[in-house]
Protein backbone atom coordinates (compact mmCIF):
# COMPACT_ATOMS: atom_id res chain seq x y z
CA UNK A 1 65.19 -39.16 111.85
CA UNK A 2 62.74 -39.73 108.97
CA UNK A 3 60.44 -42.82 108.75
CA UNK A 4 57.72 -44.02 106.22
CA UNK A 5 54.72 -45.65 108.02
CA UNK A 6 51.76 -47.41 106.82
CA UNK A 7 48.29 -46.94 108.28
CA UNK A 8 44.82 -46.99 107.11
CA UNK A 9 46.01 -48.43 103.75
CA UNK A 10 48.15 -45.36 103.01
CA UNK A 11 51.80 -44.60 103.42
CA UNK A 12 52.89 -41.42 105.30
CA UNK A 13 56.48 -39.83 105.46
CA UNK A 14 56.99 -38.60 109.16
CA UNK A 15 59.57 -36.93 111.33
CA UNK A 16 59.42 -36.10 114.95
CA UNK A 17 57.20 -33.28 115.81
CA UNK A 18 55.03 -33.39 112.66
CA UNK A 19 51.23 -33.39 112.58
CA UNK A 20 49.25 -35.81 110.36
CA UNK A 21 45.71 -36.14 109.43
CA UNK A 22 45.10 -39.90 109.12
CA UNK A 23 42.04 -42.20 108.64
CA UNK A 24 40.26 -42.58 111.84
CA UNK A 25 41.99 -44.43 114.59
CA UNK A 26 39.74 -45.97 117.23
CA UNK A 27 41.20 -44.35 120.34
CA UNK A 28 40.19 -41.21 122.35
CA UNK A 29 42.01 -37.88 122.49
CA UNK A 30 45.27 -37.41 124.43
CA UNK A 31 46.12 -41.17 124.03
CA UNK A 32 49.37 -42.46 122.81
CA UNK A 33 49.38 -44.82 119.79
CA UNK A 34 52.30 -46.91 118.34
CA UNK A 35 52.61 -47.62 114.59
CA UNK A 36 54.80 -50.76 114.11
CA UNK A 37 54.31 -51.02 110.24
CA UNK A 38 57.46 -48.97 109.49
CA UNK A 39 58.56 -49.38 105.83
CA UNK A 40 61.64 -47.29 105.80
CA UNK A 41 63.96 -45.42 108.27
CA UNK A 42 66.56 -42.74 107.41
CA UNK A 43 68.96 -41.75 110.24
CA UNK A 44 70.94 -38.59 110.16
CA UNK A 45 74.45 -39.17 108.61
CA UNK A 46 73.47 -42.89 107.91
CA UNK A 47 72.21 -45.13 105.12
CA UNK A 48 68.57 -45.75 104.40
CA UNK A 49 67.19 -48.83 106.04
CA UNK A 50 64.31 -50.51 104.14
CA UNK A 51 62.13 -53.32 105.35
CA UNK A 52 60.82 -56.28 103.39
CA UNK A 53 57.95 -55.31 103.66
CA UNK A 54 58.38 -53.86 107.31
CA UNK A 55 61.34 -53.23 109.67
CA UNK A 56 61.31 -55.52 112.59
CA UNK A 57 61.51 -53.77 115.86
CA UNK A 58 61.04 -50.23 114.58
CA UNK A 59 58.10 -48.11 116.06
CA UNK A 60 56.79 -44.71 115.69
CA UNK A 61 54.95 -43.29 118.78
CA UNK A 62 52.38 -40.59 118.31
CA UNK A 63 49.82 -38.74 120.33
CA UNK A 64 46.19 -38.32 119.24
CA UNK A 65 45.34 -34.56 119.22
CA UNK A 66 41.85 -34.62 117.88
CA UNK A 67 39.06 -36.68 116.25
CA UNK A 68 37.09 -34.86 113.67
CA UNK A 69 35.13 -34.99 110.35
CA UNK A 70 36.19 -33.51 107.11
CA UNK A 71 34.10 -30.94 105.15
CA UNK A 72 30.81 -32.50 103.55
CA UNK A 73 31.35 -33.67 99.95
CA UNK A 74 28.04 -33.26 98.11
CA UNK A 75 26.90 -35.93 95.52
CA UNK A 76 24.38 -34.90 93.09
CA UNK A 77 22.88 -37.33 90.60
CA UNK A 78 20.63 -36.29 87.85
CA UNK A 79 19.09 -37.82 84.77
CA UNK A 80 17.59 -35.52 82.16
CA UNK A 81 14.08 -35.65 80.92
CA UNK A 82 13.00 -38.11 83.58
CA UNK A 83 12.72 -35.74 86.52
CA UNK A 84 15.33 -37.76 88.52
CA UNK A 85 17.32 -35.71 91.12
CA UNK A 86 19.11 -37.07 94.07
CA UNK A 87 21.37 -35.20 96.50
CA UNK A 88 23.36 -36.66 99.38
CA UNK A 89 26.69 -35.99 101.22
CA UNK A 90 29.47 -37.68 102.94
CA UNK A 91 31.68 -36.68 105.89
CA UNK A 92 34.93 -38.84 106.35
CA UNK A 93 36.18 -39.38 109.87
CA UNK A 94 39.69 -38.23 110.45
CA UNK A 95 42.33 -38.44 113.25
CA UNK A 96 44.91 -35.67 113.90
CA UNK A 97 48.15 -37.08 115.62
CA UNK A 98 51.39 -35.56 116.42
CA UNK A 99 54.52 -37.77 116.01
CA UNK A 100 56.50 -38.02 119.40
CA UNK A 101 59.34 -40.42 118.83
CA UNK A 102 60.67 -42.74 116.11
CA UNK A 103 62.67 -45.75 117.48
CA UNK A 104 64.83 -48.17 115.39
CA UNK A 105 65.92 -51.62 116.29
CA UNK A 106 69.65 -50.89 116.16
């Protein structure tokens, strides 16, 4: 079964057993999370079911594997002839999840 979920303001296409890197989810590792904002479901040998905007009763269950940070992105600002230089960085928080089960309302 295939599903399209929405989390963190982004949409992800998932199947059972896949691993995703998402925006940070506030939960500890080895916890189970449920995504109820399911936009689309595709069952094997069946028609595609689309929500308006979400499918009622459809859920995707996942397990949090790890909380981590991305590699640092360096931002360098420079203005010539004035001696202005500024360097700083940013590390985005990410959550790695594994999709366990996709359930449909029917």
